[in-house]
Amino acid sequence: EYLRLAAASWELPGGSIRPFWPTWRKRDLFARARIQAEMGSTDEALKTAEELKSLVESGINRKELKYYEYILGLVELEKGDSRRAADLFRSACGRLDFEDFWSTEQGDFLYQYATALRESGDLDKAHETL
């Protein structure tokens, strides 16, 4: 549904399509992989995450690997490896830019990190994170 709505937003009057910038592609891959992971389709999420990683690595901003690590963290949570998930979320949080700390993205990243910490039994660190 997300991809259908996103595609409709690219259409211009008269049936033409807006230019598709790489940053939009990253956003869409991140959204798709996140949905796949949260729905339990871990193989699909990993495949989409690899495509996202490739796109990020072809660019200049390596901090965008935070999106790849975030997806891998979701997959590890789904598989039950909360310690590995916490490590991935911690790394992703370390890649957040200062501006991200004033966005909902920062909240999402820290929430997942705290969730993984809690599930791994590290309640003090989870509480400290939130």
N, C-alpha and C. Protein backbone atom coordinates (compact mmCIF):
# COMPACT_ATOMS: atom_id res chain seq x y z
N GLU A 1 0.83 -1.19 0.00
CA GLU A 1 0.00 0.00 0.00
C GLU A 1 0.88 1.25 0.00
N TYR A 2 1.96 1.21 0.81
CA TYR A 2 2.87 2.36 0.83
C TYR A 2 3.43 2.64 -0.56
N LEU A 3 3.89 1.61 -1.24
CA LEU A 3 4.50 1.81 -2.56
C LEU A 3 3.47 2.31 -3.56
N ARG A 4 2.24 1.85 -3.47
CA ARG A 4 1.20 2.32 -4.36
C ARG A 4 0.94 3.80 -4.13
N LEU A 5 0.82 4.21 -2.88
CA LEU A 5 0.59 5.61 -2.56
C LEU A 5 1.78 6.48 -2.94
N ALA A 6 2.99 5.97 -2.71
CA ALA A 6 4.19 6.73 -3.06
C ALA A 6 4.26 6.94 -4.57
N ALA A 7 3.95 5.90 -5.34
CA ALA A 7 3.99 6.02 -6.80
C ALA A 7 2.96 7.05 -7.27
N ALA A 8 1.79 7.07 -6.66
CA ALA A 8 0.77 8.05 -7.04
C ALA A 8 1.24 9.47 -6.76
N SER A 9 2.03 9.64 -5.71
CA SER A 9 2.50 10.99 -5.38
C SER A 9 3.54 11.50 -6.38
N TRP A 10 4.12 10.62 -7.18
CA TRP A 10 5.11 11.03 -8.18
C TRP A 10 4.46 11.51 -9.47
N GLU A 11 3.18 11.18 -9.64
CA GLU A 11 2.49 11.53 -10.88
C GLU A 11 2.17 13.02 -10.90
N LEU A 12 2.33 13.60 -12.08
CA LEU A 12 1.98 15.00 -12.31
C LEU A 12 0.72 15.06 -13.15
N PRO A 13 0.03 16.19 -13.16
CA PRO A 13 -1.13 16.30 -14.04
C PRO A 13 -0.73 16.00 -15.48
N GLY A 14 -1.54 15.30 -16.18
CA GLY A 14 -1.24 14.93 -17.56
C GLY A 14 -0.57 13.58 -17.68
N GLY A 15 -0.33 12.90 -16.54
CA GLY A 15 0.22 11.55 -16.59
C GLY A 15 1.73 11.46 -16.58
N SER A 16 2.44 12.59 -16.57
CA SER A 16 3.91 12.49 -16.52
C SER A 16 4.35 12.19 -15.08
N ILE A 17 5.59 11.80 -14.95
CA ILE A 17 6.13 11.41 -13.65
C ILE A 17 7.23 12.40 -13.26
N ARG A 18 7.26 12.75 -11.98
CA ARG A 18 8.33 13.62 -11.47
C ARG A 18 9.66 12.89 -11.58
N PRO A 19 10.75 13.65 -11.66
CA PRO A 19 12.07 13.00 -11.64
C PRO A 19 12.23 12.21 -10.34
N PHE A 20 12.85 11.07 -10.43
CA PHE A 20 13.02 10.21 -9.27
C PHE A 20 14.44 10.34 -8.76
N TRP A 21 14.62 11.03 -7.65
CA TRP A 21 15.95 11.28 -7.09
C TRP A 21 16.39 10.10 -6.23
N PRO A 22 17.70 9.85 -6.17
CA PRO A 22 18.20 8.73 -5.34
C PRO A 22 17.76 8.82 -3.89
N THR A 23 17.63 10.03 -3.33
CA THR A 23 17.20 10.12 -1.93
C THR A 23 15.79 9.58 -1.76
N TRP A 24 14.94 9.74 -2.77
CA TRP A 24 13.60 9.18 -2.69
C TRP A 24 13.66 7.67 -2.75
N ARG A 25 14.57 7.14 -3.56
CA ARG A 25 14.72 5.69 -3.68
C ARG A 25 15.16 5.11 -2.34
N LYS A 26 16.08 5.78 -1.66
CA LYS A 26 16.53 5.32 -0.34
C LYS A 26 15.36 5.30 0.63
N ARG A 27 14.57 6.37 0.61
CA ARG A 27 13.42 6.47 1.51
C ARG A 27 12.44 5.32 1.26
N ASP A 28 12.18 5.04 -0.01
CA ASP A 28 11.25 3.97 -0.35
C ASP A 28 11.79 2.59 0.00
N LEU A 29 13.07 2.37 -0.24
CA LEU A 29 13.66 1.07 0.13
C LEU A 29 13.64 0.88 1.64
N PHE A 30 13.93 1.94 2.39
CA PHE A 30 13.89 1.86 3.85
C PHE A 30 12.48 1.54 4.32
N ALA A 31 11.50 2.23 3.77
CA ALA A 31 10.10 1.98 4.17
C ALA A 31 9.68 0.55 3.82
N ARG A 32 10.04 0.10 2.62
CA ARG A 32 9.66 -1.25 2.21
C ARG A 32 10.32 -2.30 3.11
N ALA A 33 11.61 -2.16 3.36
CA ALA A 33 12.32 -3.13 4.19
C ALA A 33 11.79 -3.13 5.62
N ARG A 34 11.45 -1.96 6.10
CA ARG A 34 10.91 -1.87 7.46
C ARG A 34 9.56 -2.58 7.55
N ILE A 35 8.71 -2.36 6.56
CA ILE A 35 7.41 -3.03 6.53
C ILE A 35 7.60 -4.54 6.43
N GLN A 36 8.50 -4.97 5.55
CA GLN A 36 8.75 -6.41 5.39
C GLN A 36 9.24 -7.02 6.70
N ALA A 37 10.18 -6.35 7.37
CA ALA A 37 10.71 -6.88 8.63
C ALA A 37 9.64 -6.95 9.70
N GLU A 38 8.85 -5.90 9.81
CA GLU A 38 7.83 -5.86 10.85
C GLU A 38 6.68 -6.83 10.58
N MET A 39 6.54 -7.27 9.33
CA MET A 39 5.52 -8.26 8.99
C MET A 39 6.07 -9.68 9.06
N GLY A 40 7.36 -9.82 9.42
CA GLY A 40 7.95 -11.14 9.55
C GLY A 40 8.53 -11.71 8.28
N SER A 41 8.56 -10.93 7.21
CA SER A 41 9.15 -11.38 5.94
C SER A 41 10.64 -11.04 5.94
N THR A 42 11.38 -11.74 6.79
CA THR A 42 12.77 -11.37 7.01
C THR A 42 13.65 -11.56 5.78
N ASP A 43 13.41 -12.60 5.01
CA ASP A 43 14.21 -12.80 3.79
C ASP A 43 14.02 -11.64 2.82
N GLU A 44 12.78 -11.22 2.64
CA GLU A 44 12.49 -10.09 1.75
C GLU A 44 13.10 -8.80 2.31
N ALA A 45 13.00 -8.63 3.62
CA ALA A 45 13.57 -7.43 4.25
C ALA A 45 15.07 -7.38 4.05
N LEU A 46 15.73 -8.51 4.19
CA LEU A 46 17.19 -8.55 3.99
C LEU A 46 17.56 -8.25 2.54
N LYS A 47 16.78 -8.77 1.62
CA LYS A 47 17.03 -8.51 0.20
C LYS A 47 16.88 -7.02 -0.10
N THR A 48 15.82 -6.42 0.41
CA THR A 48 15.60 -4.99 0.20
C THR A 48 16.68 -4.18 0.91
N ALA A 49 17.08 -4.61 2.10
CA ALA A 49 18.14 -3.91 2.84
C ALA A 49 19.46 -3.93 2.08
N GLU A 50 19.75 -5.04 1.42
CA GLU A 50 20.99 -5.11 0.63
C GLU A 50 20.94 -4.13 -0.55
N GLU A 51 19.77 -3.99 -1.15
CA GLU A 51 19.61 -3.02 -2.23
C GLU A 51 19.81 -1.60 -1.69
N LEU A 52 19.27 -1.34 -0.52
CA LEU A 52 19.44 -0.04 0.12
C LEU A 52 20.91 0.22 0.44
N LYS A 53 21.59 -0.79 0.98
CA LYS A 53 23.00 -0.65 1.32
C LYS A 53 23.82 -0.32 0.07
N SER A 54 23.55 -0.99 -1.01
CA SER A 54 24.26 -0.75 -2.26
C SER A 54 24.07 0.69 -2.73
N LEU A 55 22.86 1.18 -2.62
CA LEU A 55 22.57 2.55 -3.03
C LEU A 55 23.29 3.55 -2.12
N VAL A 56 23.29 3.30 -0.83
CA VAL A 56 23.99 4.18 0.11
C VAL A 56 25.49 4.17 -0.17
N GLU A 57 26.05 2.99 -0.39
CA GLU A 57 27.50 2.89 -0.63
C GLU A 57 27.92 3.54 -1.94
N SER A 58 26.99 3.70 -2.88
CA SER A 58 27.33 4.37 -4.13
C SER A 58 27.29 5.89 -3.98
N GLY A 59 26.79 6.36 -2.86
CA GLY A 59 26.72 7.80 -2.60
C GLY A 59 27.88 8.27 -1.76
N ILE A 60 27.74 9.45 -1.20
CA ILE A 60 28.84 10.04 -0.43
C ILE A 60 28.58 10.08 1.07
N ASN A 61 27.35 9.86 1.51
CA ASN A 61 27.02 9.98 2.93
C ASN A 61 26.93 8.60 3.57
N ARG A 62 28.03 8.15 4.13
CA ARG A 62 28.07 6.81 4.75
C ARG A 62 27.21 6.73 6.01
N LYS A 63 26.86 7.88 6.58
CA LYS A 63 25.99 7.85 7.76
C LYS A 63 24.62 7.27 7.42
N GLU A 64 24.26 7.27 6.15
CA GLU A 64 22.97 6.70 5.76
C GLU A 64 22.95 5.18 5.91
N LEU A 65 24.07 4.59 6.23
CA LEU A 65 24.08 3.15 6.55
C LEU A 65 23.26 2.87 7.80
N LYS A 66 22.89 3.94 8.52
CA LYS A 66 22.01 3.78 9.69
C LYS A 66 20.71 3.08 9.30
N TYR A 67 20.23 3.36 8.09
CA TYR A 67 18.98 2.73 7.65
C TYR A 67 19.16 1.24 7.44
N TYR A 68 20.27 0.85 6.88
CA TYR A 68 20.60 -0.56 6.67
C TYR A 68 20.72 -1.27 8.02
N GLU A 69 21.46 -0.66 8.94
CA GLU A 69 21.64 -1.28 10.26
C GLU A 69 20.31 -1.37 11.01
N TYR A 70 19.48 -0.38 10.85
CA TYR A 70 18.17 -0.39 11.49
C TYR A 70 17.35 -1.60 11.02
N ILE A 71 17.33 -1.82 9.71
CA ILE A 71 16.60 -2.96 9.16
C ILE A 71 17.19 -4.27 9.67
N LEU A 72 18.51 -4.38 9.66
CA LEU A 72 19.13 -5.60 10.18
C LEU A 72 18.77 -5.81 11.65
N GLY A 73 18.68 -4.72 12.41
CA GLY A 73 18.27 -4.82 13.81
C GLY A 73 16.85 -5.36 13.94
N LEU A 74 15.94 -4.87 13.10
CA LEU A 74 14.57 -5.38 13.11
C LEU A 74 14.53 -6.87 12.80
N VAL A 75 15.33 -7.28 11.82
CA VAL A 75 15.38 -8.70 11.44
C VAL A 75 15.90 -9.54 12.61
N GLU A 76 16.95 -9.06 13.27
CA GLU A 76 17.51 -9.81 14.41
C GLU A 76 16.49 -9.89 15.55
N LEU A 77 15.73 -8.83 15.78
CA LEU A 77 14.67 -8.89 16.79
C LEU A 77 13.64 -9.95 16.42
N GLU A 78 13.27 -9.97 15.16
CA GLU A 78 12.28 -10.95 14.67
C GLU A 78 12.80 -12.38 14.85
N LYS A 79 14.10 -12.56 14.65
CA LYS A 79 14.71 -13.89 14.80
C LYS A 79 14.98 -14.25 16.25
N GLY A 80 14.83 -13.28 17.16
CA GLY A 80 15.02 -13.55 18.58
C GLY A 80 16.42 -13.28 19.11
N ASP A 81 17.29 -12.68 18.30
CA ASP A 81 18.65 -12.36 18.76
C ASP A 81 18.69 -10.88 19.18
N SER A 82 18.15 -10.62 20.37
CA SER A 82 18.03 -9.24 20.83
C SER A 82 19.38 -8.59 21.13
N ARG A 83 20.38 -9.36 21.52
CA ARG A 83 21.71 -8.80 21.78
C ARG A 83 22.31 -8.28 20.48
N ARG A 84 22.24 -9.06 19.42
CA ARG A 84 22.75 -8.62 18.11
C ARG A 84 21.93 -7.42 17.61
N ALA A 85 20.63 -7.46 17.81
CA ALA A 85 19.77 -6.34 17.41
C ALA A 85 20.19 -5.06 18.14
N ALA A 86 20.44 -5.17 19.44
CA ALA A 86 20.87 -3.99 20.21
C ALA A 86 22.17 -3.42 19.66
N ASP A 87 23.11 -4.29 19.30
CA ASP A 87 24.38 -3.82 18.72
C ASP A 87 24.14 -3.07 17.42
N LEU A 88 23.26 -3.59 16.58
CA LEU A 88 22.95 -2.94 15.30
C LEU A 88 22.25 -1.61 15.51
N PHE A 89 21.28 -1.57 16.41
CA PHE A 89 20.58 -0.31 16.69
C PHE A 89 21.52 0.72 17.31
N ARG A 90 22.42 0.27 18.18
CA ARG A 90 23.39 1.20 18.77
C ARG A 90 24.26 1.82 17.68
N SER A 91 24.71 1.00 16.75
CA SER A 91 25.51 1.52 15.65
C SER A 91 24.71 2.49 14.79
N ALA A 92 23.46 2.14 14.50
CA ALA A 92 22.60 3.02 13.70
C ALA A 92 22.38 4.35 14.42
N CYS A 93 22.14 4.31 15.73
CA CYS A 93 21.96 5.54 16.50
C CYS A 93 23.23 6.40 16.48
N GLY A 94 24.37 5.75 16.45
CA GLY A 94 25.64 6.48 16.39
C GLY A 94 25.85 7.21 15.07
N ARG A 95 25.08 6.85 14.06
CA ARG A 95 25.19 7.50 12.74
C ARG A 95 24.17 8.64 12.57
N LEU A 96 23.32 8.85 13.57
CA LEU A 96 22.34 9.93 13.46
C LEU A 96 23.06 11.28 13.44
N ASP A 97 22.62 12.15 12.56
CA ASP A 97 23.14 13.51 12.52
C ASP A 97 22.50 14.33 13.63
N PHE A 98 23.13 15.44 13.96
CA PHE A 98 22.57 16.31 14.99
C PHE A 98 21.12 16.67 14.68
N GLU A 99 20.84 16.97 13.41
CA GLU A 99 19.49 17.35 13.02
C GLU A 99 18.49 16.23 13.29
N ASP A 100 18.95 14.98 13.21
CA ASP A 100 18.07 13.84 13.46
C ASP A 100 17.57 13.81 14.90
N PHE A 101 18.31 14.44 15.78
CA PHE A 101 17.92 14.42 17.19
C PHE A 101 16.70 15.28 17.45
N TRP A 102 16.25 16.00 16.46
CA TRP A 102 15.04 16.81 16.60
C TRP A 102 13.93 16.26 15.72
N SER A 103 14.07 15.04 15.29
CA SER A 103 13.07 14.45 14.39
C SER A 103 12.46 13.20 15.01
N THR A 104 11.39 12.75 14.38
CA THR A 104 10.78 11.50 14.84
C THR A 104 11.68 10.31 14.53
N GLU A 105 12.56 10.46 13.54
CA GLU A 105 13.48 9.37 13.20
C GLU A 105 14.34 9.02 14.41
N GLN A 106 14.84 10.01 15.10
CA GLN A 106 15.66 9.76 16.27
C GLN A 106 14.88 8.96 17.31
N GLY A 107 13.61 9.33 17.50
CA GLY A 107 12.78 8.60 18.45
C GLY A 107 12.58 7.15 18.05
N ASP A 108 12.36 6.90 16.77
CA ASP A 108 12.20 5.53 16.27
C ASP A 108 13.46 4.71 16.51
N PHE A 109 14.60 5.29 16.19
CA PHE A 109 15.87 4.57 16.34
C PHE A 109 16.13 4.25 17.81
N LEU A 110 15.95 5.23 18.69
CA LEU A 110 16.20 5.01 20.11
C LEU A 110 15.19 4.05 20.73
N TYR A 111 13.94 4.11 20.27
CA TYR A 111 12.93 3.19 20.77
C TYR A 111 13.30 1.74 20.45
N GLN A 112 13.70 1.49 19.21
CA GLN A 112 14.08 0.13 18.83
C GLN A 112 15.32 -0.33 19.59
N TYR A 113 16.26 0.59 19.79
CA TYR A 113 17.46 0.26 20.56
C TYR A 113 17.07 -0.14 21.99
N ALA A 114 16.22 0.67 22.61
CA ALA A 114 15.78 0.37 23.97
C ALA A 114 14.99 -0.94 24.02
N THR A 115 14.18 -1.20 23.02
CA THR A 115 13.42 -2.45 22.96
C THR A 115 14.35 -3.65 22.90
N ALA A 116 15.37 -3.56 22.06
CA ALA A 116 16.33 -4.67 21.94
C ALA A 116 17.09 -4.86 23.25
N LEU A 117 17.47 -3.76 23.89
CA LEU A 117 18.15 -3.86 25.18
C LEU A 117 17.25 -4.52 26.22
N ARG A 118 16.00 -4.10 26.27
CA ARG A 118 15.05 -4.69 27.23
C ARG A 118 14.89 -6.18 26.99
N GLU A 119 14.73 -6.56 25.71
CA GLU A 119 14.54 -7.97 25.39
C GLU A 119 15.79 -8.80 25.66
N SER A 120 16.94 -8.15 25.65
CA SER A 120 18.18 -8.88 25.95
C SER A 120 18.43 -8.97 27.45
N GLY A 121 17.58 -8.29 28.24
CA GLY A 121 17.71 -8.34 29.69
C GLY A 121 18.48 -7.18 30.29
N ASP A 122 18.94 -6.25 29.48
CA ASP A 122 19.69 -5.10 29.97
C ASP A 122 18.72 -3.96 30.28
N LEU A 123 17.96 -4.11 31.36
CA LEU A 123 16.89 -3.17 31.70
C LEU A 123 17.42 -1.79 32.06
N ASP A 124 18.55 -1.75 32.76
CA ASP A 124 19.12 -0.45 33.15
C ASP A 124 19.51 0.38 31.93
N LYS A 125 20.18 -0.25 30.98
CA LYS A 125 20.60 0.45 29.77
C LYS A 125 19.37 0.83 28.93
N ALA A 126 18.36 -0.02 28.89
CA ALA A 126 17.14 0.30 28.15
C ALA A 126 16.47 1.53 28.74
N HIS A 127 16.38 1.58 30.07
CA HIS A 127 15.78 2.73 30.75
C HIS A 127 16.60 3.99 30.49
N GLU A 128 17.89 3.87 30.55
CA GLU A 128 18.79 5.00 30.31
C GLU A 128 18.65 5.52 28.86
N THR A 129 18.43 4.64 27.92
CA THR A 129 18.32 5.01 26.51
C THR A 129 17.08 5.85 26.26
N LEU A 130 15.99 5.51 26.92
CA LEU A 130 14.75 6.28 26.73
C LEU A 130 14.74 7.47 27.64
